Amino acid sequence: PVLMHSDLLRIRVDPPKCDPIFLRDQLKFSRLVARQIEVMSSGAIMAGINVGKLKQLSILLPDIRLQQKYARVIEAGVGSVRSHLSSSAGQLDNAFCSLQQRAFTGQLSPAA
């Protein structure tokens, strides 16, 4: 159970026709989609769309196998980046703990 703000739209896809990761990235990164939203939102203070406008968006919808291949590649890349960032965060945490320990035991001299 979640609470959704009235400014959010929940989108469900038909899995045999559309991969959610492919659609997410198209909505987020496609210049074609961004331009359509700009046109639909002209005159508004902040760009946005409602359900009616969302249904009017034209999106690219290649064969589901290509969409799924795209999703696998993206998720593999994201997983790799997450792993690298997690490892880097661990190294930074260890370095900070080491510096903190040295500072509290008087092993660090003040910078000149």
PDB file of N, CA and C in Angstrom:
ATOM      1  N   PRO A   1       0.838  -1.215   0.000  1.00  0.00           N
ATOM      2  CA  PRO A   1       0.000   0.000   0.000  1.00  0.00           C
ATOM      3  C   PRO A   1       0.867   1.257   0.000  1.00  0.00           C
ATOM      4  N   VAL A   2       0.496   2.187  -0.843  1.00  0.00           N
ATOM      5  CA  VAL A   2       1.213   3.454  -0.925  1.00  0.00           C
ATOM      6  C   VAL A   2       0.217   4.593  -1.059  1.00  0.00           C
ATOM      7  N   LEU A   3       0.682   5.781  -0.765  1.00  0.00           N
ATOM      8  CA  LEU A   3      -0.092   6.985  -1.004  1.00  0.00           C
ATOM      9  C   LEU A   3       0.512   7.682  -2.202  1.00  0.00           C
ATOM     10  N   MET A   4      -0.314   7.997  -3.171  1.00  0.00           N
ATOM     11  CA  MET A   4       0.169   8.700  -4.361  1.00  0.00           C
ATOM     12  C   MET A   4      -0.392  10.105  -4.359  1.00  0.00           C
ATOM     13  N   HIS A   5       0.470  11.048  -4.576  1.00  0.00           N
ATOM     14  CA  HIS A   5       0.055  12.438  -4.699  1.00  0.00           C
ATOM     15  C   HIS A   5      -0.779  12.604  -5.962  1.00  0.00           C
ATOM     16  N   SER A   6      -1.685  13.543  -5.947  1.00  0.00           N
ATOM     17  CA  SER A   6      -2.574  13.734  -7.097  1.00  0.00           C
ATOM     18  C   SER A   6      -1.825  14.182  -8.354  1.00  0.00           C
ATOM     19  N   ASP A   7      -0.579  14.631  -8.212  1.00  0.00           N
ATOM     20  CA  ASP A   7       0.212  15.044  -9.372  1.00  0.00           C
ATOM     21  C   ASP A   7       0.924  13.874 -10.048  1.00  0.00           C
ATOM     22  N   LEU A   8       0.781  12.676  -9.510  1.00  0.00           N
ATOM     23  CA  LEU A   8       1.432  11.503 -10.083  1.00  0.00           C
ATOM     24  C   LEU A   8       0.453  10.725 -10.949  1.00  0.00           C
ATOM     25  N   LEU A   9       0.974  10.141 -12.001  1.00  0.00           N
ATOM     26  CA  LEU A   9       0.184   9.261 -12.853  1.00  0.00           C
ATOM     27  C   LEU A   9       0.771   7.859 -12.768  1.00  0.00           C
ATOM     28  N   ARG A  10      -0.080   6.884 -12.551  1.00  0.00           N
ATOM     29  CA  ARG A  10       0.363   5.494 -12.533  1.00  0.00           C
ATOM     30  C   ARG A  10       0.142   4.923 -13.926  1.00  0.00           C
ATOM     31  N   ILE A  11       1.190   4.348 -14.469  1.00  0.00           N
ATOM     32  CA  ILE A  11       1.114   3.785 -15.819  1.00  0.00           C
ATOM     33  C   ILE A  11       1.338   2.285 -15.722  1.00  0.00           C
ATOM     34  N   ARG A  12       0.421   1.544 -16.291  1.00  0.00           N
ATOM     35  CA  ARG A  12       0.570   0.098 -16.384  1.00  0.00           C
ATOM     36  C   ARG A  12       0.727  -0.252 -17.855  1.00  0.00           C
ATOM     37  N   VAL A  13       1.619  -1.199 -18.118  1.00  0.00           N
ATOM     38  CA  VAL A  13       1.850  -1.593 -19.511  1.00  0.00           C
ATOM     39  C   VAL A  13       1.242  -2.966 -19.765  1.00  0.00           C
ATOM     40  N   ASP A  14       1.014  -3.255 -21.022  1.00  0.00           N
ATOM     41  CA  ASP A  14       0.583  -4.578 -21.464  1.00  0.00           C
ATOM     42  C   ASP A  14       1.865  -5.344 -21.789  1.00  0.00           C
ATOM     43  N   PRO A  15       2.326  -6.240 -20.884  1.00  0.00           N
ATOM     44  CA  PRO A  15       3.638  -6.886 -21.046  1.00  0.00           C
ATOM     45  C   PRO A  15       3.913  -7.527 -22.407  1.00  0.00           C
ATOM     46  N   PRO A  16       2.931  -8.140 -23.081  1.00  0.00           N
ATOM     47  CA  PRO A  16       3.271  -8.698 -24.392  1.00  0.00           C
ATOM     48  C   PRO A  16       3.571  -7.626 -25.453  1.00  0.00           C
ATOM     49  N   LYS A  17       3.210  -6.383 -25.167  1.00  0.00           N
ATOM     50  CA  LYS A  17       3.394  -5.316 -26.151  1.00  0.00           C
ATOM     51  C   LYS A  17       4.449  -4.288 -25.745  1.00  0.00           C
ATOM     52  N   CYS A  18       4.636  -4.094 -24.442  1.00  0.00           N
ATOM     53  CA  CYS A  18       5.499  -2.994 -23.992  1.00  0.00           C
ATOM     54  C   CYS A  18       6.269  -3.385 -22.738  1.00  0.00           C
ATOM     55  N   ASP A  19       7.581  -3.179 -22.762  1.00  0.00           N
ATOM     56  CA  ASP A  19       8.435  -3.411 -21.603  1.00  0.00           C
ATOM     57  C   ASP A  19       8.451  -2.152 -20.744  1.00  0.00           C
ATOM     58  N   PRO A  20       8.216  -2.253 -19.436  1.00  0.00           N
ATOM     59  CA  PRO A  20       8.148  -1.062 -18.583  1.00  0.00           C
ATOM     60  C   PRO A  20       9.449  -0.257 -18.530  1.00  0.00           C
ATOM     61  N   ILE A  21      10.586  -0.922 -18.597  1.00  0.00           N
ATOM     62  CA  ILE A  21      11.865  -0.202 -18.577  1.00  0.00           C
ATOM     63  C   ILE A  21      12.039   0.588 -19.865  1.00  0.00           C
ATOM     64  N   PHE A  22      11.672  -0.019 -20.970  1.00  0.00           N
ATOM     65  CA  PHE A  22      11.747   0.674 -22.254  1.00  0.00           C
ATOM     66  C   PHE A  22      10.846   1.904 -22.247  1.00  0.00           C
ATOM     67  N   LEU A  23       9.616   1.743 -21.760  1.00  0.00           N
ATOM     68  CA  LEU A  23       8.685   2.873 -21.707  1.00  0.00           C
ATOM     69  C   LEU A  23       9.181   3.949 -20.751  1.00  0.00           C
ATOM     70  N   ARG A  24       9.664   3.541 -19.576  1.00  0.00           N
ATOM     71  CA  ARG A  24      10.192   4.503 -18.600  1.00  0.00           C
ATOM     72  C   ARG A  24      11.272   5.374 -19.224  1.00  0.00           C
ATOM     73  N   ASP A  25      12.220   4.742 -19.900  1.00  0.00           N
ATOM     74  CA  ASP A  25      13.321   5.498 -20.482  1.00  0.00           C
ATOM     75  C   ASP A  25      12.860   6.374 -21.643  1.00  0.00           C
ATOM     76  N   GLN A  26      11.876   5.907 -22.373  1.00  0.00           N
ATOM     77  CA  GLN A  26      11.355   6.722 -23.460  1.00  0.00           C
ATOM     78  C   GLN A  26      10.666   7.978 -22.915  1.00  0.00           C
ATOM     79  N   LEU A  27       9.896   7.800 -21.842  1.00  0.00           N
ATOM     80  CA  LEU A  27       9.225   8.953 -21.224  1.00  0.00           C
ATOM     81  C   LEU A  27      10.243   9.907 -20.591  1.00  0.00           C
ATOM     82  N   LYS A  28      11.329   9.343 -20.106  1.00  0.00           N
ATOM     83  CA  LYS A  28      12.327  10.146 -19.396  1.00  0.00           C
ATOM     84  C   LYS A  28      13.346  10.811 -20.321  1.00  0.00           C
ATOM     85  N   PHE A  29      13.750  10.130 -21.405  1.00  0.00           N
ATOM     86  CA  PHE A  29      14.866  10.613 -22.197  1.00  0.00           C
ATOM     87  C   PHE A  29      14.568  10.961 -23.654  1.00  0.00           C
ATOM     88  N   SER A  30      13.416  10.576 -24.173  1.00  0.00           N
ATOM     89  CA  SER A  30      13.127  10.789 -25.586  1.00  0.00           C
ATOM     90  C   SER A  30      12.841  12.263 -25.893  1.00  0.00           C
ATOM     91  N   ARG A  31      13.561  12.793 -26.879  1.00  0.00           N
ATOM     92  CA  ARG A  31      13.300  14.175 -27.321  1.00  0.00           C
ATOM     93  C   ARG A  31      11.924  14.286 -27.962  1.00  0.00           C
ATOM     94  N   LEU A  32      11.499  13.222 -28.644  1.00  0.00           N
ATOM     95  CA  LEU A  32      10.175  13.199 -29.265  1.00  0.00           C
ATOM     96  C   LEU A  32       9.078  13.361 -28.197  1.00  0.00           C
ATOM     97  N   VAL A  33       9.190  12.612 -27.130  1.00  0.00           N
ATOM     98  CA  VAL A  33       8.205  12.691 -26.046  1.00  0.00           C
ATOM     99  C   VAL A  33       8.297  14.051 -25.353  1.00  0.00           C
ATOM    100  N   ALA A  34       9.508  14.512 -25.084  1.00  0.00           N
ATOM    101  CA  ALA A  34       9.683  15.807 -24.425  1.00  0.00           C
ATOM    102  C   ALA A  34       9.059  16.936 -25.237  1.00  0.00           C
ATOM    103  N   ARG A  35       9.256  16.879 -26.538  1.00  0.00           N
ATOM    104  CA  ARG A  35       8.686  17.916 -27.413  1.00  0.00           C
ATOM    105  C   ARG A  35       7.153  17.874 -27.378  1.00  0.00           C
ATOM    106  N   GLN A  36       6.584  16.681 -27.401  1.00  0.00           N
ATOM    107  CA  GLN A  36       5.127  16.567 -27.327  1.00  0.00           C
ATOM    108  C   GLN A  36       4.596  17.147 -26.017  1.00  0.00           C
ATOM    109  N   ILE A  37       5.287  16.870 -24.927  1.00  0.00           N
ATOM    110  CA  ILE A  37       4.864  17.392 -23.620  1.00  0.00           C
ATOM    111  C   ILE A  37       4.970  18.911 -23.598  1.00  0.00           C
ATOM    112  N   GLU A  38       6.046  19.447 -24.194  1.00  0.00           N
ATOM    113  CA  GLU A  38       6.190  20.905 -24.289  1.00  0.00           C
ATOM    114  C   GLU A  38       5.003  21.525 -25.022  1.00  0.00           C
ATOM    115  N   VAL A  39       4.642  20.939 -26.151  1.00  0.00           N
ATOM    116  CA  VAL A  39       3.530  21.457 -26.948  1.00  0.00           C
ATOM    117  C   VAL A  39       2.223  21.360 -26.166  1.00  0.00           C
ATOM    118  N   MET A  40       2.009  20.224 -25.512  1.00  0.00           N
ATOM    119  CA  MET A  40       0.779  20.027 -24.735  1.00  0.00           C
ATOM    120  C   MET A  40       0.693  20.964 -23.543  1.00  0.00           C
ATOM    121  N   SER A  41       1.852  21.350 -23.003  1.00  0.00           N
ATOM    122  CA  SER A  41       1.888  22.168 -21.797  1.00  0.00           C
ATOM    123  C   SER A  41       2.106  23.642 -22.085  1.00  0.00           C
ATOM    124  N   SER A  42       2.055  24.055 -23.345  1.00  0.00           N
ATOM    125  CA  SER A  42       2.333  25.455 -23.661  1.00  0.00           C
ATOM    126  C   SER A  42       1.368  26.358 -22.901  1.00  0.00           C
ATOM    127  N   GLY A  43       1.930  27.398 -22.342  1.00  0.00           N
ATOM    128  CA  GLY A  43       1.142  28.337 -21.564  1.00  0.00           C
ATOM    129  C   GLY A  43       1.094  27.981 -20.087  1.00  0.00           C
ATOM    130  N   ALA A  44       1.495  26.785 -19.735  1.00  0.00           N
ATOM    131  CA  ALA A  44       1.492  26.384 -18.332  1.00  0.00           C
ATOM    132  C   ALA A  44       2.756  26.891 -17.645  1.00  0.00           C
ATOM    133  N   ILE A  45       2.656  27.131 -16.360  1.00  0.00           N
ATOM    134  CA  ILE A  45       3.812  27.589 -15.587  1.00  0.00           C
ATOM    135  C   ILE A  45       4.849  26.478 -15.483  1.00  0.00           C
ATOM    136  N   MET A  46       4.378  25.244 -15.273  1.00  0.00           N
ATOM    137  CA  MET A  46       5.286  24.108 -15.163  1.00  0.00           C
ATOM    138  C   MET A  46       4.788  23.002 -16.090  1.00  0.00           C
ATOM    139  N   ALA A  47       5.698  22.460 -16.892  1.00  0.00           N
ATOM    140  CA  ALA A  47       5.314  21.423 -17.848  1.00  0.00           C
ATOM    141  C   ALA A  47       4.786  20.196 -17.119  1.00  0.00           C
ATOM    142  N   GLY A  48       3.714  19.664 -17.602  1.00  0.00           N
ATOM    143  CA  GLY A  48       3.132  18.459 -17.023  1.00  0.00           C
ATOM    144  C   GLY A  48       1.992  17.989 -17.898  1.00  0.00           C
ATOM    145  N   ILE A  49       1.548  16.771 -17.643  1.00  0.00           N
ATOM    146  CA  ILE A  49       0.447  16.237 -18.434  1.00  0.00           C
ATOM    147  C   ILE A  49      -0.542  15.537 -17.514  1.00  0.00           C
ATOM    148  N   ASN A  50      -1.770  15.434 -17.974  1.00  0.00           N
ATOM    149  CA  ASN A  50      -2.781  14.681 -17.258  1.00  0.00           C
ATOM    150  C   ASN A  50      -3.039  13.375 -18.013  1.00  0.00           C
ATOM    151  N   VAL A  51      -3.982  12.581 -17.515  1.00  0.00           N
ATOM    152  CA  VAL A  51      -4.251  11.282 -18.115  1.00  0.00           C
ATOM    153  C   VAL A  51      -4.674  11.428 -19.576  1.00  0.00           C
ATOM    154  N   GLY A  52      -5.527  12.396 -19.853  1.00  0.00           N
ATOM    155  CA  GLY A  52      -5.982  12.602 -21.231  1.00  0.00           C
ATOM    156  C   GLY A  52      -4.837  12.910 -22.172  1.00  0.00           C
ATOM    157  N   LYS A  53      -3.933  13.784 -21.736  1.00  0.00           N
ATOM    158  CA  LYS A  53      -2.772  14.130 -22.561  1.00  0.00           C
ATOM    159  C   LYS A  53      -1.802  12.960 -22.673  1.00  0.00           C
ATOM    160  N   LEU A  54      -1.666  12.205 -21.591  1.00  0.00           N
ATOM    161  CA  LEU A  54      -0.783  11.037 -21.619  1.00  0.00           C
ATOM    162  C   LEU A  54      -1.223  10.059 -22.700  1.00  0.00           C
ATOM    163  N   LYS A  55      -2.520   9.865 -22.818  1.00  0.00           N
ATOM    164  CA  LYS A  55      -3.042   8.937 -23.821  1.00  0.00           C
ATOM    165  C   LYS A  55      -2.815   9.427 -25.249  1.00  0.00           C
ATOM    166  N   GLN A  56      -2.561  10.717 -25.407  1.00  0.00           N
ATOM    167  CA  GLN A  56      -2.318  11.281 -26.739  1.00  0.00           C
ATOM    168  C   GLN A  56      -0.856  11.206 -27.162  1.00  0.00           C
ATOM    169  N   LEU A  57       0.050  10.888 -26.236  1.00  0.00           N
ATOM    170  CA  LEU A  57       1.476  10.831 -26.572  1.00  0.00           C
ATOM    171  C   LEU A  57       1.755   9.753 -27.608  1.00  0.00           C
ATOM    172  N   SER A  58       2.573  10.095 -28.570  1.00  0.00           N
ATOM    173  CA  SER A  58       3.056   9.119 -29.542  1.00  0.00           C
ATOM    174  C   SER A  58       4.417   8.646 -29.073  1.00  0.00           C
ATOM    175  N   ILE A  59       4.544   7.343 -28.942  1.00  0.00           N
ATOM    176  CA  ILE A  59       5.824   6.771 -28.522  1.00  0.00           C
ATOM    177  C   ILE A  59       6.263   5.735 -29.539  1.00  0.00           C
ATOM    178  N   LEU A  60       7.553   5.468 -29.566  1.00  0.00           N
ATOM    179  CA  LEU A  60       8.084   4.414 -30.425  1.00  0.00           C
ATOM    180  C   LEU A  60       7.834   3.079 -29.738  1.00  0.00           C
ATOM    181  N   LEU A  61       7.358   2.115 -30.457  1.00  0.00           N
ATOM    182  CA  LEU A  61       7.072   0.811 -29.873  1.00  0.00           C
ATOM    183  C   LEU A  61       7.587  -0.298 -30.798  1.00  0.00           C
ATOM    184  N   PRO A  62       8.904  -0.549 -30.741  1.00  0.00           N
ATOM    185  CA  PRO A  62       9.452  -1.635 -31.569  1.00  0.00           C
ATOM    186  C   PRO A  62       8.970  -2.991 -31.051  1.00  0.00           C
ATOM    187  N   ASP A  63       9.342  -4.038 -31.737  1.00  0.00           N
ATOM    188  CA  ASP A  63       8.995  -5.398 -31.334  1.00  0.00           C
ATOM    189  C   ASP A  63       9.372  -5.621 -29.873  1.00  0.00           C
ATOM    190  N   ILE A  64       8.543  -6.335 -29.132  1.00  0.00           N
ATOM    191  CA  ILE A  64       8.759  -6.551 -27.694  1.00  0.00           C
ATOM    192  C   ILE A  64      10.112  -7.191 -27.407  1.00  0.00           C
ATOM    193  N   ARG A  65      10.604  -8.038 -28.310  1.00  0.00           N
ATOM    194  CA  ARG A  65      11.917  -8.666 -28.085  1.00  0.00           C
ATOM    195  C   ARG A  65      13.035  -7.626 -28.073  1.00  0.00           C
ATOM    196  N   LEU A  66      12.926  -6.629 -28.943  1.00  0.00           N
ATOM    197  CA  LEU A  66      13.923  -5.552 -28.941  1.00  0.00           C
ATOM    198  C   LEU A  66      13.816  -4.706 -27.678  1.00  0.00           C
ATOM    199  N   GLN A  67      12.598  -4.447 -27.247  1.00  0.00           N
ATOM    200  CA  GLN A  67      12.406  -3.693 -26.005  1.00  0.00           C
ATOM    201  C   GLN A  67      13.017  -4.447 -24.824  1.00  0.00           C
ATOM    202  N   GLN A  68      12.773  -5.744 -24.764  1.00  0.00           N
ATOM    203  CA  GLN A  68      13.300  -6.561 -23.673  1.00  0.00           C
ATOM    204  C   GLN A  68      14.820  -6.640 -23.714  1.00  0.00           C
ATOM    205  N   LYS A  69      15.383  -6.707 -24.916  1.00  0.00           N
ATOM    206  CA  LYS A  69      16.844  -6.714 -25.058  1.00  0.00           C
ATOM    207  C   LYS A  69      17.407  -5.394 -24.533  1.00  0.00           C
ATOM    208  N   TYR A  70      16.775  -4.300 -24.908  1.00  0.00           N
ATOM    209  CA  TYR A  70      17.174  -2.979 -24.402  1.00  0.00           C
ATOM    210  C   TYR A  70      17.143  -2.980 -22.873  1.00  0.00           C
ATOM    211  N   ALA A  71      16.052  -3.468 -22.302  1.00  0.00           N
ATOM    212  CA  ALA A  71      15.894  -3.476 -20.845  1.00  0.00           C
ATOM    213  C   ALA A  71      16.988  -4.304 -20.176  1.00  0.00           C
ATOM    214  N   ARG A  72      17.314  -5.461 -20.743  1.00  0.00           N
ATOM    215  CA  ARG A  72      18.377  -6.306 -20.171  1.00  0.00           C
ATOM    216  C   ARG A  72      19.721  -5.586 -20.181  1.00  0.00           C
ATOM    217  N   VAL A  73      20.030  -4.935 -21.295  1.00  0.00           N
ATOM    218  CA  VAL A  73      21.305  -4.217 -21.417  1.00  0.00           C
ATOM    219  C   VAL A  73      21.362  -3.072 -20.409  1.00  0.00           C
ATOM    220  N   ILE A  74      20.276  -2.322 -20.320  1.00  0.00           N
ATOM    221  CA  ILE A  74      20.237  -1.192 -19.381  1.00  0.00           C
ATOM    222  C   ILE A  74      20.364  -1.675 -17.941  1.00  0.00           C
ATOM    223  N   GLU A  75      19.592  -2.682 -17.575  1.00  0.00           N
ATOM    224  CA  GLU A  75      19.629  -3.189 -16.205  1.00  0.00           C
ATOM    225  C   GLU A  75      20.993  -3.774 -15.860  1.00  0.00           C
ATOM    226  N   ALA A  76      21.642  -4.432 -16.810  1.00  0.00           N
ATOM    227  CA  ALA A  76      22.987  -4.968 -16.567  1.00  0.00           C
ATOM    228  C   ALA A  76      23.964  -3.818 -16.326  1.00  0.00           C
ATOM    229  N   GLY A  77      23.858  -2.776 -17.131  1.00  0.00           N
ATOM    230  CA  GLY A  77      24.724  -1.605 -16.952  1.00  0.00           C
ATOM    231  C   GLY A  77      24.471  -0.907 -15.638  1.00  0.00           C
ATOM    232  N   VAL A  78      23.216  -0.754 -15.277  1.00  0.00           N
ATOM    233  CA  VAL A  78      22.860  -0.109 -14.006  1.00  0.00           C
ATOM    234  C   VAL A  78      23.360  -0.941 -12.839  1.00  0.00           C
ATOM    235  N   GLY A  79      23.216  -2.266 -12.951  1.00  0.00           N
ATOM    236  CA  GLY A  79      23.703  -3.144 -11.889  1.00  0.00           C
ATOM    237  C   GLY A  79      25.207  -3.023 -11.710  1.00  0.00           C
ATOM    238  N   SER A  80      25.927  -2.924 -12.828  1.00  0.00           N
ATOM    239  CA  SER A  80      27.377  -2.773 -12.786  1.00  0.00           C
ATOM    240  C   SER A  80      27.764  -1.448 -12.124  1.00  0.00           C
ATOM    241  N   VAL A  81      27.072  -0.382 -12.489  1.00  0.00           N
ATOM    242  CA  VAL A  81      27.355   0.933 -11.904  1.00  0.00           C
ATOM    243  C   VAL A  81      27.030   0.925 -10.412  1.00  0.00           C
ATOM    244  N   ARG A  82      25.896   0.330 -10.027  1.00  0.00           N
ATOM    245  CA  ARG A  82      25.537   0.240  -8.603  1.00  0.00           C
ATOM    246  C   ARG A  82      26.615  -0.501  -7.823  1.00  0.00           C
ATOM    247  N   SER A  83      27.092  -1.610  -8.388  1.00  0.00           N
ATOM    248  CA  SER A  83      28.123  -2.401  -7.722  1.00  0.00           C
ATOM    249  C   SER A  83      29.394  -1.575  -7.539  1.00  0.00           C
ATOM    250  N   HIS A  84      29.789  -0.865  -8.592  1.00  0.00           N
ATOM    251  CA  HIS A  84      30.988  -0.032  -8.530  1.00  0.00           C
ATOM    252  C   HIS A  84      30.819   1.080  -7.486  1.00  0.00           C
ATOM    253  N   LEU A  85      29.655   1.728  -7.479  1.00  0.00           N
ATOM    254  CA  LEU A  85      29.412   2.801  -6.515  1.00  0.00           C
ATOM    255  C   LEU A  85      29.394   2.274  -5.089  1.00  0.00           C
ATOM    256  N   SER A  86      28.820   1.103  -4.896  1.00  0.00           N
ATOM    257  CA  SER A  86      28.780   0.501  -3.563  1.00  0.00           C
ATOM    258  C   SER A  86      30.190   0.196  -3.076  1.00  0.00           C
ATOM    259  N   SER A  87      31.016  -0.344  -3.970  1.00  0.00           N
ATOM    260  CA  SER A  87      32.404  -0.633  -3.628  1.00  0.00           C
ATOM    261  C   SER A  87      33.157   0.654  -3.292  1.00  0.00           C
ATOM    262  N   SER A  88      32.953   1.685  -4.102  1.00  0.00           N
ATOM    263  CA  SER A  88      33.618   2.973  -3.870  1.00  0.00           C
ATOM    264  C   SER A  88      33.155   3.587  -2.551  1.00  0.00           C
ATOM    265  N   ALA A  89      31.876   3.470  -2.260  1.00  0.00           N
ATOM    266  CA  ALA A  89      31.350   4.019  -1.006  1.00  0.00           C
ATOM    267  C   ALA A  89      31.982   3.299   0.180  1.00  0.00           C
ATOM    268  N   GLY A  90      32.151   1.985   0.062  1.00  0.00           N
ATOM    269  CA  GLY A  90      32.801   1.228   1.133  1.00  0.00           C
ATOM    270  C   GLY A  90      34.238   1.672   1.347  1.00  0.00           C
ATOM    271  N   GLN A  91      34.959   1.897   0.248  1.00  0.00           N
ATOM    272  CA  GLN A  91      36.343   2.358   0.351  1.00  0.00           C
ATOM    273  C   GLN A  91      36.414   3.744   0.991  1.00  0.00           C
ATOM    274  N   LEU A  92      35.502   4.632   0.590  1.00  0.00           N
ATOM    275  CA  LEU A  92      35.474   5.975   1.185  1.00  0.00           C
ATOM    276  C   LEU A  92      35.156   5.908   2.672  1.00  0.00           C
ATOM    277  N   ASP A  93      34.220   5.054   3.032  1.00  0.00           N
ATOM    278  CA  ASP A  93      33.850   4.898   4.434  1.00  0.00           C
ATOM    279  C   ASP A  93      35.042   4.400   5.250  1.00  0.00           C
ATOM    280  N   ASN A  94      35.766   3.418   4.703  1.00  0.00           N
ATOM    281  CA  ASN A  94      36.951   2.901   5.401  1.00  0.00           C
ATOM    282  C   ASN A  94      38.018   3.980   5.554  1.00  0.00           C
ATOM    283  N   ALA A  95      38.237   4.773   4.504  1.00  0.00           N
ATOM    284  CA  ALA A  95      39.236   5.841   4.576  1.00  0.00           C
ATOM    285  C   ALA A  95      38.822   6.888   5.607  1.00  0.00           C
ATOM    286  N   PHE A  96      37.535   7.246   5.637  1.00  0.00           N
ATOM    287  CA  PHE A  96      37.059   8.224   6.607  1.00  0.00           C
ATOM    288  C   PHE A  96      37.234   7.709   8.035  1.00  0.00           C
ATOM    289  N   CYS A  97      36.890   6.439   8.257  1.00  0.00           N
ATOM    290  CA  CYS A  97      37.043   5.860   9.595  1.00  0.00           C
ATOM    291  C   CYS A  97      38.503   5.860  10.022  1.00  0.00           C
ATOM    292  N   SER A  98      39.396   5.559   9.083  1.00  0.00           N
ATOM    293  CA  SER A  98      40.829   5.565   9.384  1.00  0.00           C
ATOM    294  C   SER A  98      41.304   6.967   9.756  1.00  0.00           C
ATOM    295  N   LEU A  99      40.902   7.960   8.953  1.00  0.00           N
ATOM    296  CA  LEU A  99      41.280   9.347   9.258  1.00  0.00           C
ATOM    297  C   LEU A  99      40.705   9.798  10.596  1.00  0.00           C
ATOM    298  N   GLN A 100      39.467   9.431  10.844  1.00  0.00           N
ATOM    299  CA  GLN A 100      38.811   9.814  12.095  1.00  0.00           C
ATOM    300  C   GLN A 100      39.558   9.202  13.287  1.00  0.00           C
ATOM    301  N   GLN A 101      39.912   7.940  13.167  1.00  0.00           N
ATOM    302  CA  GLN A 101      40.649   7.264  14.238  1.00  0.00           C
ATOM    303  C   GLN A 101      41.990   7.946  14.487  1.00  0.00           C
ATOM    304  N   ARG A 102      42.692   8.273  13.386  1.00  0.00           N
ATOM    305  CA  ARG A 102      43.996   8.935  13.526  1.00  0.00           C
ATOM    306  C   ARG A 102      43.835  10.327  14.128  1.00  0.00           C
ATOM    307  N   ALA A 103      42.777  11.024  13.773  1.00  0.00           N
ATOM    308  CA  ALA A 103      42.556  12.363  14.309  1.00  0.00           C
ATOM    309  C   ALA A 103      42.285  12.313  15.812  1.00  0.00           C
ATOM    310  N   PHE A 104      41.487  11.359  16.253  1.00  0.00           N
ATOM    311  CA  PHE A 104      41.126  11.270  17.672  1.00  0.00           C
ATOM    312  C   PHE A 104      42.256  10.729  18.536  1.00  0.00           C
ATOM    313  N   THR A 105      43.222  10.073  17.917  1.00  0.00           N
ATOM    314  CA  THR A 105      44.362   9.568  18.696  1.00  0.00           C
ATOM    315  C   THR A 105      45.578  10.484  18.582  1.00  0.00           C
ATOM    316  N   GLY A 106      45.404  11.635  17.928  1.00  0.00           N
ATOM    317  CA  GLY A 106      46.483  12.604  17.824  1.00  0.00           C
ATOM    318  C   GLY A 106      47.537  12.261  16.798  1.00  0.00           C
ATOM    319  N   GLN A 107      47.236  11.374  15.872  1.00  0.00           N
ATOM    320  CA  GLN A 107      48.215  10.980  14.878  1.00  0.00           C
ATOM    321  C   GLN A 107      48.210  11.869  13.647  1.00  0.00           C
ATOM    322  N   LEU A 108      47.282  12.826  13.579  1.00  0.00           N
ATOM    323  CA  LEU A 108      47.237  13.762  12.452  1.00  0.00           C
ATOM    324  C   LEU A 108      47.741  15.118  12.910  1.00  0.00           C
ATOM    325  N   SER A 109      48.563  15.733  12.077  1.00  0.00           N
ATOM    326  CA  SER A 109      48.993  17.087  12.410  1.00  0.00           C
ATOM    327  C   SER A 109      48.133  18.073  11.627  1.00  0.00           C
ATOM    328  N   PRO A 110      47.871  19.248  12.181  1.00  0.00           N
ATOM    329  CA  PRO A 110      47.039  20.232  11.464  1.00  0.00           C
ATOM    330  C   PRO A 110      47.709  20.665  10.159  1.00  0.00           C
ATOM    331  N   ALA A 111      46.914  20.935   9.157  1.00  0.00           N
ATOM    332  CA  ALA A 111      47.440  21.406   7.865  1.00  0.00           C
ATOM    333  C   ALA A 111      48.015  22.775   8.031  1.00  0.00           C
ATOM    334  N   ALA A 112      49.078  23.026   7.297  1.00  0.00           N
ATOM    335  CA  ALA A 112      49.754  24.325   7.404  1.00  0.00           C
ATOM    336  C   ALA A 112      49.060  25.332   6.547  1.00  0.00           C
TER     337      ALA A 112
END
